[in-house]
Amino acid sequence: MMVSASIERELSAETFPIRHGVFVAVVGPSGAGKDTVIGYAKALFADETQLEFVRRVITRPSDTASEDHDTLADAAFAEAEADGAFAISWEAHGLRYGLPADVDWSVTNGHVAVANVSRAIIPALRERYANLAVVEITASPEVLAERLAMRGRESRGEVLARLARSANMSLSGPGVTSIDNSGPREVAGERFAEVLRKAMAFSDMSGLI
C-alpha cells in the first residue's frame, strides 16, 4: 500500500541509515528466477510476521506471466514519486519501479524487508539501510536464454543483449550472497530461506542493543 509523503518528512536526514531491521535486496539478471525464489520463501514463511515481502509499484500492467505488483501509469508514477510515496525508485528497461515508503517503517521497527531490486541501486540502499543483505540470484547462460525465450516478451536480439549485459555485471561489497538457480527451485529456495533466517536472527539481536 502506498503512503503519503509524511513518512519521508518524519524520517529526517539524521535518521539515516535506518537501523534495527534488515533490508534484503534480491538482484540478478532477467531469467534467473528471482520471483520464483522469492515466491518459494514467501510460501515457506507465510506465518512469519517479521518478514515483509515488498510489493513493487511498476509502470507495467500486471499479468499472470509476471510478478504480482501494483501498476501506475508514467504520469501517476512521477506524481507519486514527487509526493514522496516511494522509499526508493529507479528506471530499467524503459520502466519505472518503486518501493513504497512504508518499507522504511518496517525496517525501523525491526522487520526484515525483502524486495526484488536493480543492482544499480545497491549503493543507494547501502546509504539508506544500515543492515543490508544482498542476494544475487544467478543461472547458467543456457538456462537464462531458455527462460527468456519462453517468456516471449523480447526478440532474439533483445534476449542476446540482456545476456551480454548480465555477463558484464558483478557485485562486490559486504553482505553479498550468490545463489545459483539453474536447477530445481527448492535448492535455491532453501538457500534463500537460510539467508532470511539469518536476517531475522540478526534483526532480533539488533533490537536488543
Protein backbone atom coordinates (compact mmCIF):
# COMPACT_ATOMS: atom_id res chain seq x y z
CA MET A 1 0.00 0.00 0.00
CA MET A 2 1.33 3.43 -0.93
CA VAL A 3 1.57 6.06 1.77
CA SER A 4 1.84 9.83 1.89
CA ALA A 5 4.99 11.92 1.92
CA SER A 6 4.62 12.45 5.67
CA ILE A 7 6.68 9.30 6.33
CA GLU A 8 9.62 10.71 4.40
CA ARG A 9 9.30 14.07 6.14
CA GLU A 10 9.20 12.48 9.60
CA LEU A 11 12.29 10.44 8.80
CA SER A 12 14.78 13.30 8.92
CA ALA A 13 18.25 13.16 7.41
CA GLU A 14 19.60 12.31 10.88
CA THR A 15 17.60 9.08 10.84
CA PHE A 16 19.60 7.55 8.00
CA PRO A 17 20.93 4.97 7.70
CA ILE A 18 17.88 3.20 9.11
CA ARG A 19 18.76 0.57 11.71
CA HIS A 20 17.18 -2.21 13.81
CA GLY A 21 15.76 -4.29 10.95
CA VAL A 22 17.30 -5.71 7.77
CA PHE A 23 16.68 -4.95 4.11
CA VAL A 24 17.25 -7.96 1.84
CA ALA A 25 17.90 -6.85 -1.73
CA VAL A 26 17.35 -9.60 -4.31
CA VAL A 27 19.16 -8.94 -7.58
CA GLY A 28 20.13 -10.84 -10.69
CA PRO A 29 19.70 -11.00 -14.46
CA SER A 30 16.34 -11.45 -16.15
CA GLY A 31 15.53 -15.13 -16.37
CA ALA A 32 17.47 -16.08 -13.24
CA GLY A 33 14.21 -16.76 -11.41
CA LYS A 34 14.23 -14.06 -8.73
CA ASP A 35 10.44 -14.04 -8.42
CA THR A 36 10.39 -17.84 -8.26
CA VAL A 37 12.87 -17.94 -5.40
CA ILE A 38 11.09 -15.12 -3.56
CA GLY A 39 7.76 -16.89 -4.08
CA TYR A 40 9.18 -20.09 -2.59
CA ALA A 41 10.28 -18.23 0.54
CA LYS A 42 7.01 -16.33 0.74
CA ALA A 43 5.08 -19.60 0.89
CA LEU A 44 7.55 -21.16 3.31
CA PHE A 45 7.34 -18.22 5.74
CA ALA A 46 3.64 -17.48 5.24
CA ASP A 47 3.06 -17.23 9.01
CA GLU A 48 6.24 -15.26 9.80
CA THR A 49 5.15 -11.73 10.73
CA GLN A 50 8.72 -10.44 10.99
CA LEU A 51 9.23 -10.90 7.26
CA GLU A 52 7.78 -8.42 4.76
CA PHE A 53 7.86 -9.26 1.08
CA VAL A 54 7.65 -5.86 -0.55
CA ARG A 55 5.09 -5.36 -3.31
CA ARG A 56 6.63 -3.19 -6.00
CA VAL A 57 4.99 -0.41 -7.99
CA ILE A 58 5.81 -0.63 -11.72
CA THR A 59 4.76 1.28 -14.82
CA ARG A 60 3.75 -2.03 -16.44
CA PRO A 61 0.37 -3.78 -16.37
CA SER A 62 0.23 -6.81 -14.09
CA ASP A 63 -0.44 -10.17 -15.72
CA THR A 64 -0.26 -13.83 -14.82
CA ALA A 65 3.12 -14.18 -16.52
CA SER A 66 4.86 -11.60 -14.34
CA GLU A 67 5.15 -10.80 -10.66
CA ASP A 68 2.17 -9.61 -8.62
CA HIS A 69 2.71 -5.86 -8.42
CA ASP A 70 0.89 -2.55 -8.28
CA THR A 71 0.65 -0.62 -11.54
CA LEU A 72 0.84 3.10 -12.20
CA ALA A 73 0.91 4.98 -15.49
CA ASP A 74 4.05 7.02 -16.13
CA ALA A 75 2.44 10.34 -15.16
CA ALA A 76 0.90 8.91 -11.99
CA PHE A 77 4.20 7.33 -11.03
CA ALA A 78 6.04 10.63 -11.43
CA GLU A 79 3.41 12.37 -9.30
CA ALA A 80 3.65 9.72 -6.58
CA GLU A 81 7.45 9.91 -6.65
CA ALA A 82 7.37 13.70 -6.26
CA ASP A 83 4.97 13.31 -3.32
CA GLY A 84 7.44 11.03 -1.51
CA ALA A 85 5.40 7.85 -1.89
CA PHE A 86 8.48 5.70 -2.50
CA ALA A 87 11.35 4.77 -0.21
CA ILE A 88 13.42 4.33 -3.35
CA SER A 89 12.73 4.24 -7.08
CA TRP A 90 14.65 3.51 -10.26
CA GLU A 91 14.34 3.04 -14.00
CA ALA A 92 15.26 -0.05 -16.00
CA HIS A 93 14.41 -1.34 -19.48
CA GLY A 94 12.10 1.59 -20.15
CA LEU A 95 10.03 1.02 -16.99
CA ARG A 96 9.87 2.82 -13.63
CA TYR A 97 9.98 0.86 -10.37
CA GLY A 98 9.27 1.98 -6.82
CA LEU A 99 9.22 0.53 -3.30
CA PRO A 100 6.52 2.01 -1.03
CA ALA A 101 7.74 4.45 1.62
CA ASP A 102 6.39 2.32 4.47
CA VAL A 103 9.31 -0.08 3.87
CA ASP A 104 11.37 2.38 5.93
CA TRP A 105 8.97 1.99 8.86
CA SER A 106 9.17 -1.79 8.62
CA VAL A 107 12.96 -1.78 8.86
CA THR A 108 12.91 0.86 11.61
CA ASN A 109 10.61 -1.40 13.61
CA GLY A 110 12.91 -4.41 13.36
CA HIS A 111 11.33 -6.24 10.45
CA VAL A 112 13.11 -7.89 7.54
CA ALA A 113 12.03 -6.35 4.23
CA VAL A 114 12.62 -8.42 1.08
CA ALA A 115 12.50 -6.84 -2.36
CA ASN A 116 13.48 -7.55 -5.95
CA VAL A 117 15.61 -4.56 -6.98
CA SER A 118 18.08 -3.38 -9.60
CA ARG A 119 21.80 -3.84 -8.98
CA ALA A 120 22.22 -0.17 -9.88
CA ILE A 121 20.55 0.98 -6.65
CA ILE A 122 22.69 -1.11 -4.26
CA PRO A 123 24.88 1.93 -3.37
CA ALA A 124 21.76 3.95 -2.53
CA LEU A 125 20.41 1.07 -0.43
CA ARG A 126 23.70 0.85 1.48
CA GLU A 127 23.30 4.52 2.39
CA ARG A 128 19.65 4.14 3.38
CA TYR A 129 19.76 0.91 5.41
CA ALA A 130 22.47 0.11 7.95
CA ASN A 131 21.78 -3.63 7.73
CA LEU A 132 21.67 -4.61 4.07
CA ALA A 133 21.90 -8.17 2.76
CA VAL A 134 22.30 -8.57 -0.99
CA VAL A 135 21.25 -11.87 -2.56
CA GLU A 136 22.30 -12.36 -6.17
CA ILE A 137 20.23 -14.99 -7.98
CA THR A 138 22.12 -16.42 -10.96
CA ALA A 139 21.73 -19.17 -13.55
CA SER A 140 23.83 -20.58 -16.36
CA PRO A 141 23.76 -18.70 -19.69
CA GLU A 142 21.93 -21.62 -21.31
CA VAL A 143 19.20 -21.58 -18.67
CA LEU A 144 18.87 -17.79 -18.86
CA ALA A 145 18.48 -17.92 -22.64
CA GLU A 146 15.85 -20.67 -22.43
CA ARG A 147 13.81 -18.87 -19.78
CA LEU A 148 13.92 -15.53 -21.58
CA ALA A 149 12.83 -17.19 -24.83
CA MET A 150 9.92 -18.91 -23.06
CA ARG A 151 8.65 -15.57 -21.71
CA GLY A 152 8.18 -14.38 -25.28
CA ARG A 153 8.42 -10.72 -24.35
CA GLU A 154 11.52 -9.93 -26.39
CA SER A 155 13.07 -10.64 -29.76
CA ARG A 156 16.12 -12.88 -30.09
CA GLY A 157 18.31 -9.79 -30.45
CA GLU A 158 16.92 -8.29 -27.24
CA VAL A 159 17.47 -11.57 -25.40
CA LEU A 160 21.09 -11.71 -26.54
CA ALA A 161 21.58 -8.09 -25.47
CA ARG A 162 20.25 -8.87 -21.99
CA LEU A 163 22.57 -11.85 -21.66
CA ALA A 164 25.55 -9.75 -22.74
CA ARG A 165 24.73 -7.08 -20.15
CA SER A 166 24.35 -9.62 -17.34
CA ALA A 167 27.66 -11.27 -18.22
CA ASN A 168 29.46 -7.97 -17.70
CA MET A 169 27.90 -7.22 -14.30
CA SER A 170 29.43 -8.21 -11.00
CA LEU A 171 28.65 -7.36 -7.41
CA SER A 172 31.09 -6.52 -4.69
CA GLY A 173 30.95 -5.29 -1.12
CA PRO A 174 29.83 -6.70 2.22
CA GLY A 175 26.84 -8.92 2.75
CA VAL A 176 26.58 -10.39 -0.77
CA THR A 177 25.34 -13.98 -1.18
CA SER A 178 25.23 -15.64 -4.60
CA ILE A 179 22.69 -18.40 -5.26
CA ASP A 180 22.66 -20.49 -8.44
CA ASN A 181 19.08 -21.15 -9.57
CA SER A 182 19.87 -23.27 -12.62
CA GLY A 183 18.33 -26.37 -11.07
CA PRO A 184 15.22 -27.21 -9.02
CA ARG A 185 13.71 -24.18 -7.34
CA GLU A 186 13.71 -25.99 -3.98
CA VAL A 187 17.51 -25.99 -3.92
CA ALA A 188 17.84 -22.25 -4.50
CA GLY A 189 14.74 -21.60 -2.40
CA GLU A 190 16.20 -23.33 0.66
CA ARG A 191 19.47 -21.42 0.35
CA PHE A 192 17.50 -18.18 0.17
CA ALA A 193 15.40 -19.25 3.16
CA GLU A 194 18.60 -19.69 5.17
CA VAL A 195 19.63 -16.11 4.34
CA LEU A 196 16.25 -14.89 5.58
CA ARG A 197 16.53 -16.90 8.81
CA LYS A 198 19.91 -15.32 9.50
CA ALA A 199 18.49 -11.86 8.74
CA MET A 200 15.64 -12.40 11.19
CA ALA A 201 18.05 -13.61 13.88
CA PHE A 202 20.27 -10.58 13.29
CA SER A 203 17.27 -8.28 13.50
CA ASP A 204 16.25 -9.85 16.82
CA MET A 205 19.71 -9.26 18.23
CA SER A 206 19.87 -5.71 16.86
CA GLY A 207 16.65 -4.85 18.65
CA LEU A 208 18.23 -5.82 21.98
CA ILE A 209 21.18 -3.47 21.59
